[in-house]
PDB file of N, CA and C in Angstrom:
ATOM      1  N   MET A   1     -69.876  24.517  61.562  1.00  0.00           N
ATOM      2  CA  MET A   1     -68.745  24.597  60.659  1.00  0.00           C
ATOM      3  C   MET A   1     -67.588  25.361  61.299  1.00  0.00           C
ATOM      4  N   GLN A   2     -67.892  26.522  61.895  1.00  0.00           N
ATOM      5  CA  GLN A   2     -66.834  27.314  62.502  1.00  0.00           C
ATOM      6  C   GLN A   2     -66.250  26.608  63.731  1.00  0.00           C
ATOM      7  N   GLY A   3     -67.092  25.899  64.477  1.00  0.00           N
ATOM      8  CA  GLY A   3     -66.617  25.148  65.631  1.00  0.00           C
ATOM      9  C   GLY A   3     -65.663  24.043  65.216  1.00  0.00           C
ATOM     10  N   THR A   4     -65.948  23.403  64.089  1.00  0.00           N
ATOM     11  CA  THR A   4     -65.068  22.348  63.570  1.00  0.00           C
ATOM     12  C   THR A   4     -63.732  22.936  63.149  1.00  0.00           C
ATOM     13  N   ARG A   5     -63.767  24.097  62.499  1.00  0.00           N
ATOM     14  CA  ARG A   5     -62.526  24.755  62.074  1.00  0.00           C
ATOM     15  C   ARG A   5     -61.687  25.141  63.293  1.00  0.00           C
ATOM     16  N   LEU A   6     -62.344  25.684  64.300  1.00  0.00           N
ATOM     17  CA  LEU A   6     -61.648  26.077  65.524  1.00  0.00           C
ATOM     18  C   LEU A   6     -61.031  24.861  66.208  1.00  0.00           C
ATOM     19  N   LEU A   7     -61.779  23.770  66.247  1.00  0.00           N
ATOM     20  CA  LEU A   7     -61.263  22.541  66.841  1.00  0.00           C
ATOM     21  C   LEU A   7     -60.068  22.028  66.041  1.00  0.00           C
ATOM     22  N   GLY A   8     -60.148  22.108  64.724  1.00  0.00           N
ATOM     23  CA  GLY A   8     -59.041  21.679  63.859  1.00  0.00           C
ATOM     24  C   GLY A   8     -57.793  22.516  64.090  1.00  0.00           C
ATOM     25  N   LEU A   9     -57.973  23.833  64.217  1.00  0.00           N
ATOM     26  CA  LEU A   9     -56.829  24.714  64.484  1.00  0.00           C
ATOM     27  C   LEU A   9     -56.210  24.429  65.852  1.00  0.00           C
ATOM     28  N   ALA A  10     -57.059  24.190  66.830  1.00  0.00           N
ATOM     29  CA  ALA A  10     -56.561  23.879  68.173  1.00  0.00           C
ATOM     30  C   ALA A  10     -55.775  22.578  68.154  1.00  0.00           C
ATOM     31  N   ALA A  11     -56.271  21.574  67.444  1.00  0.00           N
ATOM     32  CA  ALA A  11     -55.573  20.287  67.351  1.00  0.00           C
ATOM     33  C   ALA A  11     -54.246  20.457  66.638  1.00  0.00           C
ATOM     34  N   ALA A  12     -54.221  21.240  65.558  1.00  0.00           N
ATOM     35  CA  ALA A  12     -52.973  21.464  64.815  1.00  0.00           C
ATOM     36  C   ALA A  12     -51.942  22.161  65.709  1.00  0.00           C
ATOM     37  N   PHE A  13     -52.393  23.132  66.485  1.00  0.00           N
ATOM     38  CA  PHE A  13     -51.484  23.843  67.383  1.00  0.00           C
ATOM     39  C   PHE A  13     -50.898  22.895  68.423  1.00  0.00           C
ATOM     40  N   LEU A  14     -51.723  22.037  68.975  1.00  0.00           N
ATOM     41  CA  LEU A  14     -51.249  21.102  69.999  1.00  0.00           C
ATOM     42  C   LEU A  14     -50.292  20.070  69.428  1.00  0.00           C
ATOM     43  N   LEU A  15     -50.448  19.726  68.170  1.00  0.00           N
ATOM     44  CA  LEU A  15     -49.567  18.740  67.557  1.00  0.00           C
ATOM     45  C   LEU A  15     -48.268  19.355  67.055  1.00  0.00           C
ATOM     46  N   PHE A  16     -48.226  20.672  66.913  1.00  0.00           N
ATOM     47  CA  PHE A  16     -47.025  21.354  66.443  1.00  0.00           C
ATOM     48  C   PHE A  16     -45.947  21.249  67.510  1.00  0.00           C
ATOM     49  N   PRO A  17     -44.739  20.858  67.129  1.00  0.00           N
ATOM     50  CA  PRO A  17     -43.679  20.725  68.139  1.00  0.00           C
ATOM     51  C   PRO A  17     -43.387  22.047  68.833  1.00  0.00           C
ATOM     52  N   VAL A  18     -43.485  22.049  70.123  1.00  0.00           N
ATOM     53  CA  VAL A  18     -43.242  23.253  70.909  1.00  0.00           C
ATOM     54  C   VAL A  18     -41.798  23.704  70.785  1.00  0.00           C
ATOM     55  N   THR A  19     -40.866  22.766  70.650  1.00  0.00           N
ATOM     56  CA  THR A  19     -39.459  23.135  70.556  1.00  0.00           C
ATOM     57  C   THR A  19     -39.201  24.008  69.341  1.00  0.00           C
ATOM     58  N   ALA A  20     -39.947  23.816  68.267  1.00  0.00           N
ATOM     59  CA  ALA A  20     -39.751  24.643  67.084  1.00  0.00           C
ATOM     60  C   ALA A  20     -40.101  26.100  67.374  1.00  0.00           C
ATOM     61  N   ILE A  21     -41.050  26.317  68.255  1.00  0.00           N
ATOM     62  CA  ILE A  21     -41.447  27.682  68.599  1.00  0.00           C
ATOM     63  C   ILE A  21     -40.326  28.387  69.352  1.00  0.00           C
ATOM     64  N   PHE A  22     -39.652  27.690  70.228  1.00  0.00           N
ATOM     65  CA  PHE A  22     -38.629  28.281  71.068  1.00  0.00           C
ATOM     66  C   PHE A  22     -37.220  28.158  70.502  1.00  0.00           C
ATOM     67  N   ALA A  23     -37.047  27.508  69.371  1.00  0.00           N
ATOM     68  CA  ALA A  23     -35.728  27.342  68.784  1.00  0.00           C
ATOM     69  C   ALA A  23     -35.233  28.680  68.262  1.00  0.00           C
ATOM     70  N   GLY A  24     -34.008  29.015  68.635  1.00  0.00           N
ATOM     71  CA  GLY A  24     -33.418  30.253  68.167  1.00  0.00           C
ATOM     72  C   GLY A  24     -32.749  30.058  66.818  1.00  0.00           C
ATOM     73  N   PRO A  25     -32.215  31.135  66.268  1.00  0.00           N
ATOM     74  CA  PRO A  25     -31.611  31.070  64.946  1.00  0.00           C
ATOM     75  C   PRO A  25     -30.326  30.240  64.887  1.00  0.00           C
ATOM     76  N   CYS A  26     -29.696  30.004  66.021  1.00  0.00           N
ATOM     77  CA  CYS A  26     -28.435  29.245  66.054  1.00  0.00           C
ATOM     78  C   CYS A  26     -28.637  27.754  66.326  1.00  0.00           C
ATOM     79  N   LYS A  27     -29.847  27.327  66.621  1.00  0.00           N
ATOM     80  CA  LYS A  27     -30.078  25.966  67.104  1.00  0.00           C
ATOM     81  C   LYS A  27     -29.492  24.899  66.199  1.00  0.00           C
ATOM     82  N   SER A  28     -29.698  24.990  64.904  1.00  0.00           N
ATOM     83  CA  SER A  28     -29.192  23.936  64.019  1.00  0.00           C
ATOM     84  C   SER A  28     -27.670  23.921  64.002  1.00  0.00           C
ATOM     85  N   SER A  29     -27.031  25.084  64.055  1.00  0.00           N
ATOM     86  CA  SER A  29     -25.565  25.142  64.097  1.00  0.00           C
ATOM     87  C   SER A  29     -25.035  24.573  65.409  1.00  0.00           C
ATOM     88  N   ILE A  30     -25.724  24.876  66.500  1.00  0.00           N
ATOM     89  CA  ILE A  30     -25.324  24.345  67.805  1.00  0.00           C
ATOM     90  C   ILE A  30     -25.446  22.823  67.801  1.00  0.00           C
ATOM     91  N   ASP A  31     -26.569  22.313  67.310  1.00  0.00           N
ATOM     92  CA  ASP A  31     -26.773  20.861  67.271  1.00  0.00           C
ATOM     93  C   ASP A  31     -25.730  20.168  66.412  1.00  0.00           C
ATOM     94  N   GLU A  32     -25.403  20.770  65.274  1.00  0.00           N
ATOM     95  CA  GLU A  32     -24.397  20.197  64.377  1.00  0.00           C
ATOM     96  C   GLU A  32     -23.029  20.136  65.053  1.00  0.00           C
ATOM     97  N   LEU A  33     -22.644  21.235  65.707  1.00  0.00           N
ATOM     98  CA  LEU A  33     -21.348  21.260  66.385  1.00  0.00           C
ATOM     99  C   LEU A  33     -21.345  20.332  67.597  1.00  0.00           C
ATOM    100  N   GLN A  34     -22.456  20.252  68.312  1.00  0.00           N
ATOM    101  CA  GLN A  34     -22.550  19.330  69.455  1.00  0.00           C
ATOM    102  C   GLN A  34     -22.320  17.894  68.995  1.00  0.00           C
ATOM    103  N   ALA A  35     -22.886  17.521  67.854  1.00  0.00           N
ATOM    104  CA  ALA A  35     -22.695  16.169  67.324  1.00  0.00           C
ATOM    105  C   ALA A  35     -21.224  15.925  66.984  1.00  0.00           C
ATOM    106  N   ARG A  36     -20.561  16.926  66.410  1.00  0.00           N
ATOM    107  CA  ARG A  36     -19.124  16.789  66.104  1.00  0.00           C
ATOM    108  C   ARG A  36     -18.301  16.607  67.373  1.00  0.00           C
ATOM    109  N   VAL A  37     -18.617  17.400  68.389  1.00  0.00           N
ATOM    110  CA  VAL A  37     -17.885  17.319  69.663  1.00  0.00           C
ATOM    111  C   VAL A  37     -18.124  15.961  70.321  1.00  0.00           C
ATOM    112  N   ASP A  38     -19.374  15.521  70.351  1.00  0.00           N
ATOM    113  CA  ASP A  38     -19.689  14.216  70.957  1.00  0.00           C
ATOM    114  C   ASP A  38     -18.919  13.093  70.267  1.00  0.00           C
ATOM    115  N   THR A  39     -18.857  13.134  68.944  1.00  0.00           N
ATOM    116  CA  THR A  39     -18.129  12.108  68.183  1.00  0.00           C
ATOM    117  C   THR A  39     -16.635  12.174  68.492  1.00  0.00           C
ATOM    118  N   ALA A  40     -16.084  13.385  68.542  1.00  0.00           N
ATOM    119  CA  ALA A  40     -14.661  13.545  68.830  1.00  0.00           C
ATOM    120  C   ALA A  40     -14.318  13.040  70.232  1.00  0.00           C
ATOM    121  N   ILE A  41     -15.162  13.338  71.206  1.00  0.00           N
ATOM    122  CA  ILE A  41     -14.930  12.875  72.579  1.00  0.00           C
ATOM    123  C   ILE A  41     -15.011  11.354  72.630  1.00  0.00           C
ATOM    124  N   GLU A  42     -16.001  10.796  71.971  1.00  0.00           N
ATOM    125  CA  GLU A  42     -16.148   9.340  71.955  1.00  0.00           C
ATOM    126  C   GLU A  42     -14.949   8.674  71.288  1.00  0.00           C
ATOM    127  N   ASN A  43     -14.494   9.234  70.178  1.00  0.00           N
ATOM    128  CA  ASN A  43     -13.319   8.673  69.499  1.00  0.00           C
ATOM    129  C   ASN A  43     -12.084   8.758  70.386  1.00  0.00           C
ATOM    130  N   GLN A  44     -11.924   9.869  71.088  1.00  0.00           N
ATOM    131  CA  GLN A  44     -10.787  10.023  71.996  1.00  0.00           C
ATOM    132  C   GLN A  44     -10.858   9.000  73.125  1.00  0.00           C
ATOM    133  N   ALA A  45     -12.034   8.821  73.685  1.00  0.00           N
ATOM    134  CA  ALA A  45     -12.205   7.857  74.778  1.00  0.00           C
ATOM    135  C   ALA A  45     -11.928   6.435  74.295  1.00  0.00           C
ATOM    136  N   ASN A  46     -12.355   6.111  73.093  1.00  0.00           N
ATOM    137  CA  ASN A  46     -12.118   4.770  72.551  1.00  0.00           C
ATOM    138  C   ASN A  46     -10.657   4.541  72.208  1.00  0.00           C
ATOM    139  N   ALA A  47      -9.941   5.617  71.874  1.00  0.00           N
ATOM    140  CA  ALA A  47      -8.534   5.486  71.492  1.00  0.00           C
ATOM    141  C   ALA A  47      -7.612   5.367  72.703  1.00  0.00           C
ATOM    142  N   SER A  48      -8.034   5.853  73.859  1.00  0.00           N
ATOM    143  CA  SER A  48      -7.169   5.797  75.028  1.00  0.00           C
ATOM    144  C   SER A  48      -7.273   4.458  75.728  1.00  0.00           C
ATOM    145  N   SER A  49      -6.328   4.261  76.596  1.00  0.00           N
ATOM    146  CA  SER A  49      -6.264   2.987  77.308  1.00  0.00           C
ATOM    147  C   SER A  49      -7.394   2.871  78.337  1.00  0.00           C
ATOM    148  N   TRP A  50      -7.542   1.683  78.846  1.00  0.00           N
ATOM    149  CA  TRP A  50      -8.580   1.378  79.823  1.00  0.00           C
ATOM    150  C   TRP A  50      -8.391   2.220  81.070  1.00  0.00           C
ATOM    151  N   LYS A  51      -9.496   2.654  81.649  1.00  0.00           N
ATOM    152  CA  LYS A  51      -9.469   3.414  82.903  1.00  0.00           C
ATOM    153  C   LYS A  51     -10.460   2.777  83.862  1.00  0.00           C
ATOM    154  N   PRO A  52     -10.204   2.875  85.163  1.00  0.00           N
ATOM    155  CA  PRO A  52     -11.160   2.314  86.122  1.00  0.00           C
ATOM    156  C   PRO A  52     -12.485   3.073  86.082  1.00  0.00           C
ATOM    157  N   GLU A  53     -13.550   2.387  86.462  1.00  0.00           N
ATOM    158  CA  GLU A  53     -14.871   2.999  86.505  1.00  0.00           C
ATOM    159  C   GLU A  53     -14.910   4.119  87.524  1.00  0.00           C
ATOM    160  N   SER A  54     -15.602   5.174  87.180  1.00  0.00           N
ATOM    161  CA  SER A  54     -15.755   6.289  88.115  1.00  0.00           C
ATOM    162  C   SER A  54     -16.818   5.934  89.154  1.00  0.00           C
ATOM    163  N   LEU A  55     -16.863   6.722  90.211  1.00  0.00           N
ATOM    164  CA  LEU A  55     -17.863   6.514  91.250  1.00  0.00           C
ATOM    165  C   LEU A  55     -19.269   6.661  90.668  1.00  0.00           C
ATOM    166  N   GLY A  56     -19.445   7.650  89.788  1.00  0.00           N
ATOM    167  CA  GLY A  56     -20.746   7.845  89.155  1.00  0.00           C
ATOM    168  C   GLY A  56     -21.177   6.639  88.342  1.00  0.00           C
ATOM    169  N   ALA A  57     -20.228   6.036  87.644  1.00  0.00           N
ATOM    170  CA  ALA A  57     -20.554   4.853  86.833  1.00  0.00           C
ATOM    171  C   ALA A  57     -20.971   3.683  87.712  1.00  0.00           C
ATOM    172  N   THR A  58     -20.349   3.561  88.864  1.00  0.00           N
ATOM    173  CA  THR A  58     -20.715   2.458  89.756  1.00  0.00           C
ATOM    174  C   THR A  58     -22.088   2.675  90.381  1.00  0.00           C
ATOM    175  N   ARG A  59     -22.569   3.914  90.324  1.00  0.00           N
ATOM    176  CA  ARG A  59     -23.901   4.226  90.847  1.00  0.00           C
ATOM    177  C   ARG A  59     -24.936   4.309  89.730  1.00  0.00           C
ATOM    178  N   SER A  60     -24.609   3.749  88.584  1.00  0.00           N
ATOM    179  CA  SER A  60     -25.490   3.677  87.415  1.00  0.00           C
ATOM    180  C   SER A  60     -25.840   5.037  86.823  1.00  0.00           C
ATOM    181  N   HIS A  61     -24.984   6.043  87.012  1.00  0.00           N
ATOM    182  CA  HIS A  61     -25.207   7.335  86.365  1.00  0.00           C
ATOM    183  C   HIS A  61     -24.745   7.228  84.924  1.00  0.00           C
ATOM    184  N   GLN A  62     -25.542   7.744  84.010  1.00  0.00           N
ATOM    185  CA  GLN A  62     -25.183   7.702  82.597  1.00  0.00           C
ATOM    186  C   GLN A  62     -24.086   8.726  82.317  1.00  0.00           C
ATOM    187  N   PRO A  63     -23.096   8.352  81.517  1.00  0.00           N
ATOM    188  CA  PRO A  63     -22.035   9.316  81.193  1.00  0.00           C
ATOM    189  C   PRO A  63     -22.576  10.428  80.300  1.00  0.00           C
ATOM    190  N   THR A  64     -22.008  11.597  80.457  1.00  0.00           N
ATOM    191  CA  THR A  64     -22.346  12.740  79.615  1.00  0.00           C
ATOM    192  C   THR A  64     -21.091  13.117  78.839  1.00  0.00           C
ATOM    193  N   PRO A  65     -21.219  13.904  77.777  1.00  0.00           N
ATOM    194  CA  PRO A  65     -20.006  14.342  77.086  1.00  0.00           C
ATOM    195  C   PRO A  65     -19.033  15.030  78.036  1.00  0.00           C
ATOM    196  N   SER A  66     -19.534  15.809  78.981  1.00  0.00           N
ATOM    197  CA  SER A  66     -18.656  16.494  79.940  1.00  0.00           C
ATOM    198  C   SER A  66     -17.933  15.520  80.853  1.00  0.00           C
ATOM    199  N   SER A  67     -18.640  14.498  81.337  1.00  0.00           N
ATOM    200  CA  SER A  67     -17.993  13.548  82.249  1.00  0.00           C
ATOM    201  C   SER A  67     -16.976  12.685  81.508  1.00  0.00           C
ATOM    202  N   ILE A  68     -17.264  12.355  80.264  1.00  0.00           N
ATOM    203  CA  ILE A  68     -16.297  11.578  79.477  1.00  0.00           C
ATOM    204  C   ILE A  68     -15.072  12.443  79.187  1.00  0.00           C
ATOM    205  N   ALA A  69     -15.286  13.693  78.800  1.00  0.00           N
ATOM    206  CA  ALA A  69     -14.170  14.597  78.525  1.00  0.00           C
ATOM    207  C   ALA A  69     -13.309  14.784  79.767  1.00  0.00           C
ATOM    208  N   ALA A  70     -13.943  14.918  80.922  1.00  0.00           N
ATOM    209  CA  ALA A  70     -13.198  15.118  82.168  1.00  0.00           C
ATOM    210  C   ALA A  70     -12.276  13.949  82.475  1.00  0.00           C
ATOM    211  N   SER A  71     -12.635  12.763  82.015  1.00  0.00           N
ATOM    212  CA  SER A  71     -11.806  11.593  82.296  1.00  0.00           C
ATOM    213  C   SER A  71     -10.636  11.468  81.328  1.00  0.00           C
ATOM    214  N   GLU A  72     -10.555  12.361  80.356  1.00  0.00           N
ATOM    215  CA  GLU A  72      -9.534  12.247  79.324  1.00  0.00           C
ATOM    216  C   GLU A  72      -8.312  13.133  79.544  1.00  0.00           C
ATOM    217  N   GLY A  73      -8.132  13.651  80.734  1.00  0.00           N
ATOM    218  CA  GLY A  73      -6.927  14.418  81.054  1.00  0.00           C
ATOM    219  C   GLY A  73      -6.863  15.755  80.339  1.00  0.00           C
ATOM    220  N   ALA A  74      -5.651  16.114  79.858  1.00  0.00           N
ATOM    221  CA  ALA A  74      -5.422  17.428  79.244  1.00  0.00           C
ATOM    222  C   ALA A  74      -6.264  17.627  77.994  1.00  0.00           C
ATOM    223  N   VAL A  75      -6.361  16.600  77.164  1.00  0.00           N
ATOM    224  CA  VAL A  75      -7.184  16.711  75.954  1.00  0.00           C
ATOM    225  C   VAL A  75      -8.643  16.895  76.356  1.00  0.00           C
ATOM    226  N   GLY A  76      -9.044  16.204  77.388  1.00  0.00           N
ATOM    227  CA  GLY A  76     -10.418  16.311  77.875  1.00  0.00           C
ATOM    228  C   GLY A  76     -10.754  17.715  78.344  1.00  0.00           C
ATOM    229  N   LYS A  77      -9.773  18.425  78.916  1.00  0.00           N
ATOM    230  CA  LYS A  77     -10.009  19.802  79.354  1.00  0.00           C
ATOM    231  C   LYS A  77     -10.334  20.693  78.163  1.00  0.00           C
ATOM    232  N   LYS A  78      -9.672  20.421  77.028  1.00  0.00           N
ATOM    233  CA  LYS A  78      -9.964  21.201  75.826  1.00  0.00           C
ATOM    234  C   LYS A  78     -11.373  20.905  75.339  1.00  0.00           C
ATOM    235  N   TYR A  79     -11.761  19.634  75.378  1.00  0.00           N
ATOM    236  CA  TYR A  79     -13.133  19.289  75.009  1.00  0.00           C
ATOM    237  C   TYR A  79     -14.114  19.942  75.978  1.00  0.00           C
ATOM    238  N   GLY A  80     -13.759  19.953  77.244  1.00  0.00           N
ATOM    239  CA  GLY A  80     -14.607  20.604  78.247  1.00  0.00           C
ATOM    240  C   GLY A  80     -14.793  22.079  77.938  1.00  0.00           C
ATOM    241  N   HIS A  81     -13.713  22.731  77.477  1.00  0.00           N
ATOM    242  CA  HIS A  81     -13.793  24.145  77.101  1.00  0.00           C
ATOM    243  C   HIS A  81     -14.762  24.334  75.930  1.00  0.00           C
ATOM    244  N   VAL A  82     -14.696  23.436  74.953  1.00  0.00           N
ATOM    245  CA  VAL A  82     -15.613  23.510  73.813  1.00  0.00           C
ATOM    246  C   VAL A  82     -17.060  23.342  74.287  1.00  0.00           C
ATOM    247  N   LEU A  83     -17.281  22.421  75.213  1.00  0.00           N
ATOM    248  CA  LEU A  83     -18.639  22.199  75.734  1.00  0.00           C
ATOM    249  C   LEU A  83     -19.155  23.429  76.478  1.00  0.00           C
ATOM    250  N   VAL A  84     -18.281  24.125  77.189  1.00  0.00           N
ATOM    251  CA  VAL A  84     -18.676  25.358  77.882  1.00  0.00           C
ATOM    252  C   VAL A  84     -19.046  26.432  76.850  1.00  0.00           C
ATOM    253  N   LEU A  85     -18.264  26.519  75.777  1.00  0.00           N
ATOM    254  CA  LEU A  85     -18.586  27.488  74.725  1.00  0.00           C
ATOM    255  C   LEU A  85     -19.943  27.174  74.095  1.00  0.00           C
ATOM    256  N   LEU A  86     -20.241  25.901  73.911  1.00  0.00           N
ATOM    257  CA  LEU A  86     -21.551  25.509  73.383  1.00  0.00           C
ATOM    258  C   LEU A  86     -22.669  25.885  74.352  1.00  0.00           C
ATOM    259  N   LYS A  87     -22.403  25.750  75.637  1.00  0.00           N
ATOM    260  CA  LYS A  87     -23.397  26.138  76.649  1.00  0.00           C
ATOM    261  C   LYS A  87     -23.677  27.638  76.555  1.00  0.00           C
ATOM    262  N   HIS A  88     -22.623  28.433  76.384  1.00  0.00           N
ATOM    263  CA  HIS A  88     -22.794  29.879  76.237  1.00  0.00           C
ATOM    264  C   HIS A  88     -23.537  30.213  74.937  1.00  0.00           C
ATOM    265  N   ALA A  89     -23.260  29.463  73.886  1.00  0.00           N
ATOM    266  CA  ALA A  89     -23.957  29.680  72.610  1.00  0.00           C
ATOM    267  C   ALA A  89     -25.451  29.403  72.775  1.00  0.00           C
ATOM    268  N   ARG A  90     -25.783  28.337  73.501  1.00  0.00           N
ATOM    269  CA  ARG A  90     -27.200  28.026  73.741  1.00  0.00           C
ATOM    270  C   ARG A  90     -27.893  29.146  74.518  1.00  0.00           C
ATOM    271  N   ALA A  91     -27.201  29.670  75.528  1.00  0.00           N
ATOM    272  CA  ALA A  91     -27.773  30.760  76.332  1.00  0.00           C
ATOM    273  C   ALA A  91     -27.991  32.003  75.462  1.00  0.00           C
ATOM    274  N   ALA A  92     -27.024  32.321  74.613  1.00  0.00           N
ATOM    275  CA  ALA A  92     -27.167  33.472  73.723  1.00  0.00           C
ATOM    276  C   ALA A  92     -28.300  33.243  72.731  1.00  0.00           C
ATOM    277  N   ASP A  93     -28.432  32.024  72.241  1.00  0.00           N
ATOM    278  CA  ASP A  93     -29.496  31.687  71.303  1.00  0.00           C
ATOM    279  C   ASP A  93     -30.865  31.871  71.953  1.00  0.00           C
ATOM    280  N   ARG A  94     -31.009  31.372  73.184  1.00  0.00           N
ATOM    281  CA  ARG A  94     -32.287  31.528  73.902  1.00  0.00           C
ATOM    282  C   ARG A  94     -32.616  33.004  74.143  1.00  0.00           C
ATOM    283  N   ALA A  95     -31.568  33.815  74.348  1.00  0.00           N
ATOM    284  CA  ALA A  95     -31.774  35.242  74.600  1.00  0.00           C
ATOM    285  C   ALA A  95     -31.943  36.035  73.303  1.00  0.00           C
ATOM    286  N   GLY A  96     -31.826  35.362  72.171  1.00  0.00           N
ATOM    287  CA  GLY A  96     -31.985  36.042  70.885  1.00  0.00           C
ATOM    288  C   GLY A  96     -30.785  36.867  70.476  1.00  0.00           C
ATOM    289  N   LYS A  97     -29.610  36.572  71.038  1.00  0.00           N
ATOM    290  CA  LYS A  97     -28.386  37.319  70.726  1.00  0.00           C
ATOM    291  C   LYS A  97     -27.586  36.543  69.681  1.00  0.00           C
ATOM    292  N   LEU A  98     -27.967  36.738  68.425  1.00  0.00           N
ATOM    293  CA  LEU A  98     -27.384  35.985  67.317  1.00  0.00           C
ATOM    294  C   LEU A  98     -25.880  36.222  67.182  1.00  0.00           C
ATOM    295  N   ALA A  99     -25.433  37.462  67.309  1.00  0.00           N
ATOM    296  CA  ALA A  99     -24.001  37.763  67.162  1.00  0.00           C
ATOM    297  C   ALA A  99     -23.182  37.052  68.237  1.00  0.00           C
ATOM    298  N   ARG A 100     -23.671  37.055  69.467  1.00  0.00           N
ATOM    299  CA  ARG A 100     -22.955  36.372  70.564  1.00  0.00           C
ATOM    300  C   ARG A 100     -22.959  34.867  70.333  1.00  0.00           C
ATOM    301  N   CYS A 101     -24.075  34.333  69.885  1.00  0.00           N
ATOM    302  CA  CYS A 101     -24.161  32.901  69.606  1.00  0.00           C
ATOM    303  C   CYS A 101     -23.150  32.522  68.529  1.00  0.00           C
ATOM    304  N   ASP A 102     -23.125  33.296  67.448  1.00  0.00           N
ATOM    305  CA  ASP A 102     -22.175  33.019  66.363  1.00  0.00           C
ATOM    306  C   ASP A 102     -20.729  33.112  66.849  1.00  0.00           C
ATOM    307  N   ALA A 103     -20.447  34.078  67.704  1.00  0.00           N
ATOM    308  CA  ALA A 103     -19.087  34.237  68.229  1.00  0.00           C
ATOM    309  C   ALA A 103     -18.680  33.025  69.075  1.00  0.00           C
ATOM    310  N   MET A 104     -19.595  32.558  69.919  1.00  0.00           N
ATOM    311  CA  MET A 104     -19.306  31.388  70.748  1.00  0.00           C
ATOM    312  C   MET A 104     -19.106  30.141  69.874  1.00  0.00           C
ATOM    313  N   LEU A 105     -19.924  30.002  68.841  1.00  0.00           N
ATOM    314  CA  LEU A 105     -19.776  28.862  67.930  1.00  0.00           C
ATOM    315  C   LEU A 105     -18.462  28.924  67.173  1.00  0.00           C
ATOM    316  N   ASP A 106     -18.067  30.115  66.746  1.00  0.00           N
ATOM    317  CA  ASP A 106     -16.780  30.272  66.042  1.00  0.00           C
ATOM    318  C   ASP A 106     -15.615  29.876  66.936  1.00  0.00           C
ATOM    319  N   LYS A 107     -15.656  30.315  68.206  1.00  0.00           N
ATOM    320  CA  LYS A 107     -14.600  29.954  69.160  1.00  0.00           C
ATOM    321  C   LYS A 107     -14.588  28.442  69.382  1.00  0.00           C
ATOM    322  N   ALA A 108     -15.763  27.855  69.535  1.00  0.00           N
ATOM    323  CA  ALA A 108     -15.847  26.414  69.769  1.00  0.00           C
ATOM    324  C   ALA A 108     -15.310  25.637  68.565  1.00  0.00           C
ATOM    325  N   ARG A 109     -15.691  26.056  67.355  1.00  0.00           N
ATOM    326  CA  ARG A 109     -15.183  25.389  66.139  1.00  0.00           C
ATOM    327  C   ARG A 109     -13.671  25.500  66.041  1.00  0.00           C
ATOM    328  N   SER A 110     -13.123  26.715  66.293  1.00  0.00           N
ATOM    329  CA  SER A 110     -11.679  26.892  66.199  1.00  0.00           C
ATOM    330  C   SER A 110     -10.938  26.017  67.199  1.00  0.00           C
ATOM    331  N   THR A 111     -11.455  25.958  68.408  1.00  0.00           N
ATOM    332  CA  THR A 111     -10.824  25.129  69.439  1.00  0.00           C
ATOM    333  C   THR A 111     -10.870  23.672  69.041  1.00  0.00           C
ATOM    334  N   LEU A 112     -12.008  23.216  68.554  1.00  0.00           N
ATOM    335  CA  LEU A 112     -12.161  21.829  68.132  1.00  0.00           C
ATOM    336  C   LEU A 112     -11.259  21.512  66.943  1.00  0.00           C
ATOM    337  N   ASP A 113     -11.201  22.411  65.978  1.00  0.00           N
ATOM    338  CA  ASP A 113     -10.373  22.180  64.790  1.00  0.00           C
ATOM    339  C   ASP A 113      -8.885  22.179  65.122  1.00  0.00           C
ATOM    340  N   ALA A 114      -8.497  22.892  66.168  1.00  0.00           N
ATOM    341  CA  ALA A 114      -7.078  22.966  66.553  1.00  0.00           C
ATOM    342  C   ALA A 114      -6.618  21.729  67.330  1.00  0.00           C
ATOM    343  N   MET A 115      -7.544  20.868  67.679  1.00  0.00           N
ATOM    344  CA  MET A 115      -7.181  19.698  68.484  1.00  0.00           C
ATOM    345  C   MET A 115      -6.685  18.555  67.617  1.00  0.00           C
TER     346      MET A 115
END
């Protein structure tokens, strides 16, 4: 009986998503803002005129939000800044620095909202 219970607990632990264990307190806010930024970058890219394929695209590299933002000129630099702030927020979240994470998210939101 006890061996079965132990086996059941071990199976439950293995099936539990590991990412939930390592997710910091800011993760859902970061994910939400990342989705907003990705949508904004995509909308900006779709609204601008045609551009030639980059070298990376010709080598079958998948575009990233950063690479798409970089191709968008001055507006893209602002999106790039927001993406850097999100990167810093993720680092603060992993380190358990909630105040720093919140500060980075606030800066990223303000920059995005001002665009």
